[in-house]
Amino acid sequence: MERKLTIEDLKKKHSSRPHNPILASAFFKGGLIEAWGRGTLKIINECKKAGLPEPKIERTSGGISVTILKEMSVSGEVTPPVTTVATTVATTVTTTVEKVILVLDNELKREKIQKLLKLKNKNNFIKNYLQPAITLGLIEMTIPDKPNSRFQKYRLTEKGKKLKRKLKKENR
């Protein structure tokens, strides 16, 4: 019986035992995986290079979660650490994020927000509008434990509401 990797094992050189070898092989052949057993080490080293604290690695249901911690400043406020898959995070509110903030009233489904913004491409909307707003802590999911739920809606956080009021004042 194979011993499960511990969190400490992931922080040093270790052998890789993918949960789904077929999927891992496809990613490797497609160039999305550079080498087996280096992902967490690479993330830790990149965080060190960027002057960030060591990422938080923890077991989640069915896998491992890696949280990269970075304080960000938005409109003079310091936000709490955020979970992200990228090593760099936009720290300014872009016009695309502002558009989402301005159309978001109450709780709305992704499709409705996208329609209000007159955007047709779902992937573009998620990547350039929705995800940055979530990462900056300006909007949140109503069902965060099930991000792909067909009942998923989005709403402004307190920080998002504050920004919306500020944007409306500026646009008068």
N, C-alpha and C. Protein backbone atom coordinates (compact mmCIF):
# COMPACT_ATOMS: atom_id res chain seq x y z
N MET A 1 0.84 -1.19 0.00
CA MET A 1 0.00 0.00 0.00
C MET A 1 0.89 1.25 0.00
N GLU A 2 0.57 2.18 -0.92
CA GLU A 2 1.36 3.40 -1.04
C GLU A 2 1.01 4.38 0.05
N ARG A 3 2.04 5.06 0.55
CA ARG A 3 1.86 6.09 1.57
C ARG A 3 1.41 7.38 0.88
N LYS A 4 0.39 8.03 1.43
CA LYS A 4 -0.08 9.30 0.88
C LYS A 4 0.96 10.38 1.15
N LEU A 5 1.09 11.29 0.19
CA LEU A 5 1.98 12.42 0.38
C LEU A 5 1.40 13.36 1.44
N THR A 6 2.27 13.84 2.31
CA THR A 6 1.84 14.82 3.30
C THR A 6 2.08 16.22 2.73
N ILE A 7 1.56 17.22 3.40
CA ILE A 7 1.79 18.60 2.99
C ILE A 7 3.29 18.89 3.04
N GLU A 8 3.97 18.41 4.06
CA GLU A 8 5.42 18.61 4.17
C GLU A 8 6.16 17.95 3.01
N ASP A 9 5.69 16.77 2.55
CA ASP A 9 6.30 16.11 1.39
C ASP A 9 6.23 17.00 0.16
N LEU A 10 5.13 17.74 0.01
CA LEU A 10 4.94 18.58 -1.16
C LEU A 10 5.87 19.79 -1.17
N LYS A 11 6.47 20.09 -0.02
CA LYS A 11 7.36 21.25 0.10
C LYS A 11 8.82 20.90 -0.16
N LYS A 12 9.09 19.65 -0.51
CA LYS A 12 10.46 19.22 -0.85
C LYS A 12 10.38 18.30 -2.05
N LYS A 13 11.52 17.91 -2.59
CA LYS A 13 11.53 17.05 -3.76
C LYS A 13 10.78 15.75 -3.42
N HIS A 14 9.85 15.37 -4.30
CA HIS A 14 9.02 14.20 -4.03
C HIS A 14 8.62 13.52 -5.35
N SER A 15 8.23 12.29 -5.24
CA SER A 15 7.73 11.59 -6.42
C SER A 15 6.28 12.02 -6.64
N SER A 16 5.85 11.95 -7.87
CA SER A 16 4.50 12.37 -8.19
C SER A 16 3.62 11.16 -8.43
N ARG A 17 2.45 11.19 -7.81
CA ARG A 17 1.46 10.14 -8.02
C ARG A 17 0.14 10.81 -8.35
N PRO A 18 -0.07 11.11 -9.65
CA PRO A 18 -1.30 11.82 -10.00
C PRO A 18 -2.55 11.02 -9.67
N HIS A 19 -3.56 11.73 -9.23
CA HIS A 19 -4.85 11.11 -8.90
C HIS A 19 -5.49 10.50 -10.14
N ASN A 20 -5.33 11.20 -11.28
CA ASN A 20 -5.89 10.72 -12.54
C ASN A 20 -4.74 10.65 -13.56
N PRO A 21 -4.05 9.49 -13.66
CA PRO A 21 -2.89 9.36 -14.54
C PRO A 21 -3.20 9.64 -16.02
N ILE A 22 -4.39 9.31 -16.48
CA ILE A 22 -4.74 9.54 -17.89
C ILE A 22 -4.80 11.04 -18.17
N LEU A 23 -5.46 11.78 -17.28
CA LEU A 23 -5.57 13.23 -17.44
C LEU A 23 -4.19 13.88 -17.29
N ALA A 24 -3.43 13.45 -16.30
CA ALA A 24 -2.08 14.00 -16.09
C ALA A 24 -1.20 13.77 -17.31
N SER A 25 -1.30 12.59 -17.92
CA SER A 25 -0.52 12.27 -19.12
C SER A 25 -0.91 13.18 -20.28
N ALA A 26 -2.19 13.44 -20.42
CA ALA A 26 -2.66 14.33 -21.50
C ALA A 26 -2.11 15.74 -21.29
N PHE A 27 -2.13 16.24 -20.04
CA PHE A 27 -1.58 17.56 -19.74
C PHE A 27 -0.08 17.60 -20.01
N PHE A 28 0.63 16.53 -19.65
CA PHE A 28 2.08 16.46 -19.87
C PHE A 28 2.38 16.49 -21.37
N LYS A 29 1.66 15.67 -22.14
CA LYS A 29 1.88 15.62 -23.59
C LYS A 29 1.49 16.93 -24.26
N GLY A 30 0.54 17.63 -23.68
CA GLY A 30 0.12 18.91 -24.23
C GLY A 30 0.99 20.07 -23.80
N GLY A 31 2.03 19.79 -23.00
CA GLY A 31 2.96 20.83 -22.56
C GLY A 31 2.46 21.66 -21.40
N LEU A 32 1.38 21.24 -20.75
CA LEU A 32 0.85 21.99 -19.61
C LEU A 32 1.49 21.58 -18.30
N ILE A 33 2.17 20.44 -18.30
CA ILE A 33 2.93 19.99 -17.13
C ILE A 33 4.37 19.86 -17.59
N GLU A 34 5.27 20.55 -16.89
CA GLU A 34 6.68 20.55 -17.26
C GLU A 34 7.39 19.29 -16.81
N ALA A 35 7.14 18.87 -15.59
CA ALA A 35 7.78 17.67 -15.04
C ALA A 35 6.94 17.16 -13.89
N TRP A 36 6.98 15.87 -13.64
CA TRP A 36 6.22 15.27 -12.55
C TRP A 36 6.80 15.68 -11.20
N GLY A 37 5.94 16.01 -10.27
CA GLY A 37 6.36 16.25 -8.89
C GLY A 37 7.05 17.57 -8.63
N ARG A 38 6.89 18.57 -9.52
CA ARG A 38 7.56 19.84 -9.33
C ARG A 38 6.61 21.01 -9.12
N GLY A 39 5.32 20.80 -9.28
CA GLY A 39 4.37 21.91 -9.24
C GLY A 39 4.41 22.71 -7.96
N THR A 40 4.29 22.04 -6.82
CA THR A 40 4.27 22.78 -5.55
C THR A 40 5.62 23.42 -5.27
N LEU A 41 6.70 22.74 -5.62
CA LEU A 41 8.04 23.32 -5.42
C LEU A 41 8.21 24.58 -6.26
N LYS A 42 7.74 24.52 -7.49
CA LYS A 42 7.85 25.66 -8.39
C LYS A 42 7.05 26.85 -7.87
N ILE A 43 5.85 26.57 -7.36
CA ILE A 43 5.01 27.64 -6.81
C ILE A 43 5.69 28.27 -5.60
N ILE A 44 6.24 27.45 -4.71
CA ILE A 44 6.93 27.97 -3.52
C ILE A 44 8.11 28.85 -3.93
N ASN A 45 8.92 28.38 -4.88
CA ASN A 45 10.09 29.16 -5.34
C ASN A 45 9.68 30.46 -6.01
N GLU A 46 8.62 30.44 -6.81
CA GLU A 46 8.16 31.67 -7.47
C GLU A 46 7.65 32.68 -6.45
N CYS A 47 7.00 32.20 -5.41
CA CYS A 47 6.54 33.10 -4.34
C CYS A 47 7.73 33.74 -3.65
N LYS A 48 8.77 32.95 -3.35
CA LYS A 48 9.98 33.50 -2.73
C LYS A 48 10.60 34.57 -3.61
N LYS A 49 10.72 34.26 -4.93
CA LYS A 49 11.31 35.23 -5.87
C LYS A 49 10.53 36.54 -5.89
N ALA A 50 9.21 36.43 -5.76
CA ALA A 50 8.35 37.61 -5.83
C ALA A 50 8.24 38.33 -4.48
N GLY A 51 8.94 37.80 -3.46
CA GLY A 51 8.89 38.42 -2.14
C GLY A 51 7.59 38.17 -1.39
N LEU A 52 6.88 37.11 -1.77
CA LEU A 52 5.61 36.77 -1.13
C LEU A 52 5.84 35.72 -0.05
N PRO A 53 4.95 35.62 0.91
CA PRO A 53 5.08 34.56 1.91
C PRO A 53 4.88 33.19 1.26
N GLU A 54 5.36 32.16 1.94
CA GLU A 54 5.17 30.81 1.42
C GLU A 54 3.68 30.54 1.26
N PRO A 55 3.28 29.94 0.14
CA PRO A 55 1.85 29.68 -0.07
C PRO A 55 1.30 28.69 0.95
N LYS A 56 0.03 28.80 1.18
CA LYS A 56 -0.66 27.89 2.10
C LYS A 56 -1.10 26.67 1.30
N ILE A 57 -0.60 25.49 1.68
CA ILE A 57 -0.96 24.25 0.99
C ILE A 57 -1.79 23.42 1.96
N GLU A 58 -2.97 22.99 1.50
CA GLU A 58 -3.84 22.21 2.37
C GLU A 58 -4.63 21.19 1.56
N ARG A 59 -5.03 20.14 2.23
CA ARG A 59 -5.87 19.11 1.61
C ARG A 59 -7.29 19.63 1.53
N THR A 60 -7.92 19.38 0.38
CA THR A 60 -9.33 19.71 0.22
C THR A 60 -10.01 18.43 -0.21
N SER A 61 -11.30 18.45 -0.29
CA SER A 61 -11.99 17.23 -0.70
C SER A 61 -11.56 16.86 -2.11
N GLY A 62 -10.89 15.75 -2.24
CA GLY A 62 -10.47 15.26 -3.54
C GLY A 62 -9.18 15.81 -4.08
N GLY A 63 -8.45 16.62 -3.32
CA GLY A 63 -7.21 17.15 -3.87
C GLY A 63 -6.44 18.04 -2.92
N ILE A 64 -5.63 18.88 -3.51
CA ILE A 64 -4.77 19.80 -2.78
C ILE A 64 -5.12 21.21 -3.22
N SER A 65 -5.16 22.14 -2.29
CA SER A 65 -5.40 23.54 -2.59
C SER A 65 -4.13 24.32 -2.26
N VAL A 66 -3.71 25.18 -3.17
CA VAL A 66 -2.56 26.04 -2.94
C VAL A 66 -3.05 27.48 -2.96
N THR A 67 -2.86 28.20 -1.86
CA THR A 67 -3.30 29.58 -1.76
C THR A 67 -2.08 30.48 -1.76
N ILE A 68 -2.02 31.40 -2.71
CA ILE A 68 -0.92 32.36 -2.78
C ILE A 68 -1.38 33.60 -2.04
N LEU A 69 -0.60 34.02 -1.06
CA LEU A 69 -0.98 35.12 -0.19
C LEU A 69 -0.30 36.41 -0.63
N LYS A 70 -1.11 37.43 -0.84
CA LYS A 70 -0.57 38.73 -1.21
C LYS A 70 -1.56 39.79 -0.79
N GLU A 71 -1.08 40.82 -0.09
CA GLU A 71 -1.96 41.92 0.23
C GLU A 71 -2.04 42.83 -0.98
N MET A 72 -3.24 43.29 -1.28
CA MET A 72 -3.44 44.17 -2.42
C MET A 72 -4.13 45.43 -1.95
N SER A 73 -3.85 46.52 -2.61
CA SER A 73 -4.48 47.78 -2.27
C SER A 73 -5.45 48.18 -3.38
N VAL A 74 -6.68 48.42 -3.00
CA VAL A 74 -7.69 48.88 -3.95
C VAL A 74 -8.33 50.11 -3.32
N SER A 75 -8.26 51.21 -4.01
CA SER A 75 -8.85 52.47 -3.53
C SER A 75 -8.39 52.79 -2.11
N GLY A 76 -7.10 52.54 -1.81
CA GLY A 76 -6.56 52.88 -0.50
C GLY A 76 -6.82 51.87 0.59
N GLU A 77 -7.61 50.83 0.31
CA GLU A 77 -7.89 49.81 1.32
C GLU A 77 -7.00 48.60 1.09
N VAL A 78 -6.56 47.96 2.16
CA VAL A 78 -5.79 46.73 2.01
C VAL A 78 -6.75 45.57 2.12
N THR A 79 -6.70 44.69 1.12
CA THR A 79 -7.60 43.56 1.10
C THR A 79 -6.96 42.37 1.80
N PRO A 80 -7.76 41.41 2.24
CA PRO A 80 -7.19 40.20 2.84
C PRO A 80 -6.51 39.36 1.77
N PRO A 81 -5.71 38.36 2.17
CA PRO A 81 -5.07 37.48 1.18
C PRO A 81 -6.11 36.83 0.28
N VAL A 82 -5.72 36.59 -0.97
CA VAL A 82 -6.64 35.99 -1.93
C VAL A 82 -6.09 34.69 -2.46
N THR A 83 -6.98 33.80 -2.87
CA THR A 83 -6.57 32.57 -3.52
C THR A 83 -6.53 32.85 -5.01
N THR A 84 -5.45 32.45 -5.66
CA THR A 84 -5.32 32.69 -7.09
C THR A 84 -4.49 31.60 -7.73
N VAL A 85 -4.67 31.39 -9.00
CA VAL A 85 -3.89 30.39 -9.71
C VAL A 85 -2.72 31.05 -10.42
N ALA A 86 -2.70 32.35 -10.48
CA ALA A 86 -1.61 33.05 -11.14
C ALA A 86 -0.64 33.59 -10.11
N THR A 87 0.58 33.88 -10.53
CA THR A 87 1.56 34.43 -9.59
C THR A 87 1.49 35.94 -9.54
N THR A 88 0.80 36.57 -10.49
CA THR A 88 0.62 38.01 -10.44
C THR A 88 -0.87 38.30 -10.45
N VAL A 89 -1.26 39.33 -9.72
CA VAL A 89 -2.67 39.69 -9.61
C VAL A 89 -2.79 41.17 -9.88
N ALA A 90 -3.78 41.55 -10.68
CA ALA A 90 -4.01 42.97 -10.93
C ALA A 90 -4.42 43.64 -9.64
N THR A 91 -3.82 44.77 -9.33
CA THR A 91 -4.13 45.44 -8.08
C THR A 91 -4.94 46.71 -8.30
N THR A 92 -5.31 47.00 -9.52
CA THR A 92 -6.14 48.16 -9.78
C THR A 92 -7.47 47.71 -10.36
N VAL A 93 -8.47 48.51 -10.14
CA VAL A 93 -9.79 48.21 -10.67
C VAL A 93 -9.83 48.68 -12.12
N THR A 94 -9.99 47.76 -13.03
CA THR A 94 -10.03 48.09 -14.46
C THR A 94 -11.42 48.55 -14.85
N THR A 95 -11.52 49.13 -16.04
CA THR A 95 -12.83 49.59 -16.51
C THR A 95 -13.78 48.41 -16.70
N THR A 96 -13.25 47.22 -17.03
CA THR A 96 -14.12 46.06 -17.17
C THR A 96 -14.75 45.69 -15.82
N VAL A 97 -13.95 45.75 -14.77
CA VAL A 97 -14.46 45.46 -13.43
C VAL A 97 -15.47 46.53 -13.01
N GLU A 98 -15.16 47.78 -13.32
CA GLU A 98 -16.10 48.86 -13.00
C GLU A 98 -17.46 48.63 -13.66
N LYS A 99 -17.45 48.16 -14.90
CA LYS A 99 -18.70 47.89 -15.62
C LYS A 99 -19.54 46.84 -14.90
N VAL A 100 -18.87 45.79 -14.42
CA VAL A 100 -19.58 44.74 -13.68
C VAL A 100 -20.18 45.32 -12.41
N ILE A 101 -19.39 46.10 -11.69
CA ILE A 101 -19.83 46.69 -10.42
C ILE A 101 -21.07 47.56 -10.67
N LEU A 102 -21.03 48.35 -11.73
CA LEU A 102 -22.12 49.29 -11.99
C LEU A 102 -23.43 48.62 -12.41
N VAL A 103 -23.37 47.46 -13.06
CA VAL A 103 -24.63 46.80 -13.48
C VAL A 103 -25.15 45.81 -12.44
N LEU A 104 -24.34 45.47 -11.46
CA LEU A 104 -24.73 44.45 -10.49
C LEU A 104 -25.62 45.04 -9.41
N ASP A 105 -26.89 44.63 -9.44
CA ASP A 105 -27.85 44.99 -8.40
C ASP A 105 -28.42 43.69 -7.86
N ASN A 106 -28.54 43.60 -6.57
CA ASN A 106 -29.03 42.38 -5.93
C ASN A 106 -28.16 41.19 -6.33
N GLU A 107 -28.75 40.02 -6.43
CA GLU A 107 -28.03 38.81 -6.83
C GLU A 107 -28.42 38.47 -8.26
N LEU A 108 -27.42 38.33 -9.14
CA LEU A 108 -27.70 38.04 -10.54
C LEU A 108 -26.88 36.86 -11.03
N LYS A 109 -27.46 36.11 -11.96
CA LYS A 109 -26.74 35.00 -12.59
C LYS A 109 -25.71 35.58 -13.57
N ARG A 110 -24.68 34.79 -13.87
CA ARG A 110 -23.64 35.21 -14.79
C ARG A 110 -24.25 35.64 -16.13
N GLU A 111 -25.17 34.84 -16.64
CA GLU A 111 -25.79 35.11 -17.93
C GLU A 111 -26.47 36.48 -17.96
N LYS A 112 -27.13 36.83 -16.87
CA LYS A 112 -27.85 38.11 -16.78
C LYS A 112 -26.85 39.28 -16.76
N ILE A 113 -25.78 39.14 -15.99
CA ILE A 113 -24.76 40.21 -15.93
C ILE A 113 -24.15 40.39 -17.33
N GLN A 114 -23.83 39.28 -17.96
CA GLN A 114 -23.24 39.30 -19.29
C GLN A 114 -24.19 39.97 -20.29
N LYS A 115 -25.46 39.67 -20.19
CA LYS A 115 -26.46 40.26 -21.08
C LYS A 115 -26.57 41.77 -20.85
N LEU A 116 -26.56 42.18 -19.57
CA LEU A 116 -26.64 43.61 -19.26
C LEU A 116 -25.44 44.37 -19.84
N LEU A 117 -24.29 43.70 -19.90
CA LEU A 117 -23.08 44.32 -20.45
C LEU A 117 -22.98 44.15 -21.97
N LYS A 118 -23.96 43.45 -22.54
CA LYS A 118 -24.00 43.19 -23.99
C LYS A 118 -22.75 42.47 -24.47
N LEU A 119 -22.34 41.46 -23.71
CA LEU A 119 -21.17 40.65 -24.06
C LEU A 119 -21.64 39.26 -24.47
N LYS A 120 -21.10 38.75 -25.55
CA LYS A 120 -21.53 37.45 -26.06
C LYS A 120 -20.61 36.30 -25.65
N ASN A 121 -19.30 36.56 -25.55
CA ASN A 121 -18.34 35.49 -25.30
C ASN A 121 -18.23 35.19 -23.80
N LYS A 122 -18.68 34.01 -23.39
CA LYS A 122 -18.70 33.60 -21.99
C LYS A 122 -17.29 33.58 -21.39
N ASN A 123 -16.33 32.96 -22.12
CA ASN A 123 -14.96 32.86 -21.58
C ASN A 123 -14.32 34.22 -21.38
N ASN A 124 -14.51 35.12 -22.35
CA ASN A 124 -13.99 36.48 -22.23
C ASN A 124 -14.60 37.18 -21.02
N PHE A 125 -15.90 37.04 -20.85
CA PHE A 125 -16.58 37.67 -19.73
C PHE A 125 -16.03 37.17 -18.40
N ILE A 126 -15.89 35.86 -18.27
CA ILE A 126 -15.40 35.28 -17.02
C ILE A 126 -13.96 35.73 -16.74
N LYS A 127 -13.11 35.63 -17.75
CA LYS A 127 -11.68 35.94 -17.58
C LYS A 127 -11.41 37.42 -17.33
N ASN A 128 -12.08 38.30 -18.07
CA ASN A 128 -11.75 39.72 -18.02
C ASN A 128 -12.68 40.59 -17.18
N TYR A 129 -13.82 40.07 -16.82
CA TYR A 129 -14.77 40.86 -16.04
C TYR A 129 -15.04 40.22 -14.67
N LEU A 130 -15.57 39.00 -14.70
CA LEU A 130 -16.04 38.35 -13.48
C LEU A 130 -14.90 37.96 -12.53
N GLN A 131 -13.91 37.22 -13.04
CA GLN A 131 -12.83 36.72 -12.19
C GLN A 131 -12.03 37.85 -11.53
N PRO A 132 -11.66 38.92 -12.27
CA PRO A 132 -10.94 40.01 -11.60
C PRO A 132 -11.76 40.66 -10.49
N ALA A 133 -13.07 40.79 -10.69
CA ALA A 133 -13.92 41.40 -9.67
C ALA A 133 -13.99 40.52 -8.42
N ILE A 134 -14.01 39.21 -8.63
CA ILE A 134 -14.02 38.27 -7.50
C ILE A 134 -12.67 38.32 -6.78
N THR A 135 -11.58 38.28 -7.55
CA THR A 135 -10.23 38.29 -6.98
C THR A 135 -9.99 39.54 -6.15
N LEU A 136 -10.52 40.66 -6.60
CA LEU A 136 -10.35 41.92 -5.86
C LEU A 136 -11.31 42.04 -4.68
N GLY A 137 -12.16 41.03 -4.49
CA GLY A 137 -13.08 41.05 -3.35
C GLY A 137 -14.22 42.03 -3.51
N LEU A 138 -14.57 42.36 -4.75
CA LEU A 138 -15.64 43.31 -4.99
C LEU A 138 -16.99 42.64 -5.20
N ILE A 139 -16.96 41.41 -5.71
CA ILE A 139 -18.18 40.61 -5.81
C ILE A 139 -17.90 39.23 -5.25
N GLU A 140 -18.97 38.53 -4.92
CA GLU A 140 -18.83 37.18 -4.38
C GLU A 140 -19.92 36.28 -4.94
N MET A 141 -19.65 34.98 -4.87
CA MET A 141 -20.63 33.99 -5.30
C MET A 141 -21.63 33.76 -4.18
N THR A 142 -22.88 33.47 -4.56
CA THR A 142 -23.88 33.16 -3.54
C THR A 142 -23.73 31.72 -3.05
N ILE A 143 -23.11 30.86 -3.87
CA ILE A 143 -22.88 29.46 -3.49
C ILE A 143 -21.39 29.16 -3.70
N PRO A 144 -20.51 29.69 -2.85
CA PRO A 144 -19.07 29.54 -3.08
C PRO A 144 -18.58 28.09 -3.06
N ASP A 145 -19.27 27.20 -2.34
CA ASP A 145 -18.86 25.80 -2.30
C ASP A 145 -19.16 25.06 -3.60
N LYS A 146 -20.03 25.64 -4.43
CA LYS A 146 -20.40 25.01 -5.70
C LYS A 146 -20.32 26.07 -6.80
N PRO A 147 -19.10 26.43 -7.21
CA PRO A 147 -18.94 27.52 -8.19
C PRO A 147 -19.60 27.25 -9.53
N ASN A 148 -19.81 25.99 -9.90
CA ASN A 148 -20.41 25.67 -11.20
C ASN A 148 -21.88 25.32 -11.12
N SER A 149 -22.49 25.60 -9.97
CA SER A 149 -23.92 25.31 -9.80
C SER A 149 -24.76 26.10 -10.79
N ARG A 150 -25.80 25.48 -11.31
CA ARG A 150 -26.69 26.19 -12.23
C ARG A 150 -27.50 27.26 -11.49
N PHE A 151 -27.47 27.22 -10.17
CA PHE A 151 -28.17 28.21 -9.36
C PHE A 151 -27.24 29.34 -8.89
N GLN A 152 -25.99 29.29 -9.33
CA GLN A 152 -24.99 30.27 -8.90
C GLN A 152 -25.38 31.69 -9.32
N LYS A 153 -25.25 32.59 -8.37
CA LYS A 153 -25.47 34.01 -8.63
C LYS A 153 -24.31 34.78 -8.03
N TYR A 154 -24.22 36.05 -8.36
CA TYR A 154 -23.15 36.91 -7.88
C TYR A 154 -23.77 38.15 -7.26
N ARG A 155 -23.09 38.67 -6.23
CA ARG A 155 -23.57 39.88 -5.56
C ARG A 155 -22.38 40.73 -5.15
N LEU A 156 -22.64 42.00 -4.93
CA LEU A 156 -21.59 42.91 -4.47
C LEU A 156 -21.23 42.61 -3.03
N THR A 157 -19.95 42.70 -2.71
CA THR A 157 -19.52 42.63 -1.31
C THR A 157 -19.66 44.05 -0.75
N GLU A 158 -19.38 44.22 0.53
CA GLU A 158 -19.43 45.57 1.11
C GLU A 158 -18.44 46.48 0.39
N LYS A 159 -17.26 45.95 0.09
CA LYS A 159 -16.24 46.72 -0.63
C LYS A 159 -16.75 47.08 -2.02
N GLY A 160 -17.44 46.16 -2.67
CA GLY A 160 -18.00 46.42 -4.00
C GLY A 160 -19.08 47.49 -3.95
N LYS A 161 -19.93 47.44 -2.91
CA LYS A 161 -20.99 48.45 -2.76
C LYS A 161 -20.37 49.83 -2.55
N LYS A 162 -19.31 49.88 -1.75
CA LYS A 162 -18.62 51.15 -1.49
C LYS A 162 -18.03 51.71 -2.78
N LEU A 163 -17.41 50.84 -3.57
CA LEU A 163 -16.84 51.27 -4.84
C LEU A 163 -17.93 51.72 -5.80
N LYS A 164 -19.06 51.02 -5.83
CA LYS A 164 -20.17 51.40 -6.71
C LYS A 164 -20.67 52.80 -6.38
N ARG A 165 -20.83 53.08 -5.07
CA ARG A 165 -21.26 54.42 -4.66
C ARG A 165 -20.26 55.48 -5.13
N LYS A 166 -18.98 55.18 -4.98
CA LYS A 166 -17.92 56.11 -5.39
C LYS A 166 -17.96 56.32 -6.91
N LEU A 167 -18.11 55.25 -7.67
CA LEU A 167 -18.15 55.36 -9.13
C LEU A 167 -19.36 56.14 -9.59
N LYS A 168 -20.50 55.94 -8.94
CA LYS A 168 -21.72 56.67 -9.31
C LYS A 168 -21.55 58.16 -9.04
N LYS A 169 -20.90 58.51 -7.91
CA LYS A 169 -20.63 59.92 -7.58
C LYS A 169 -19.75 60.57 -8.63
N GLU A 170 -18.71 59.83 -9.06
CA GLU A 170 -17.75 60.35 -10.04
C GLU A 170 -18.40 60.53 -11.40
N ASN A 171 -19.39 59.73 -11.73
CA ASN A 171 -20.01 59.77 -13.06
C ASN A 171 -21.20 60.71 -13.14
N ARG A 172 -21.48 61.47 -12.10
CA ARG A 172 -22.62 62.40 -12.12
C ARG A 172 -22.35 63.58 -13.02
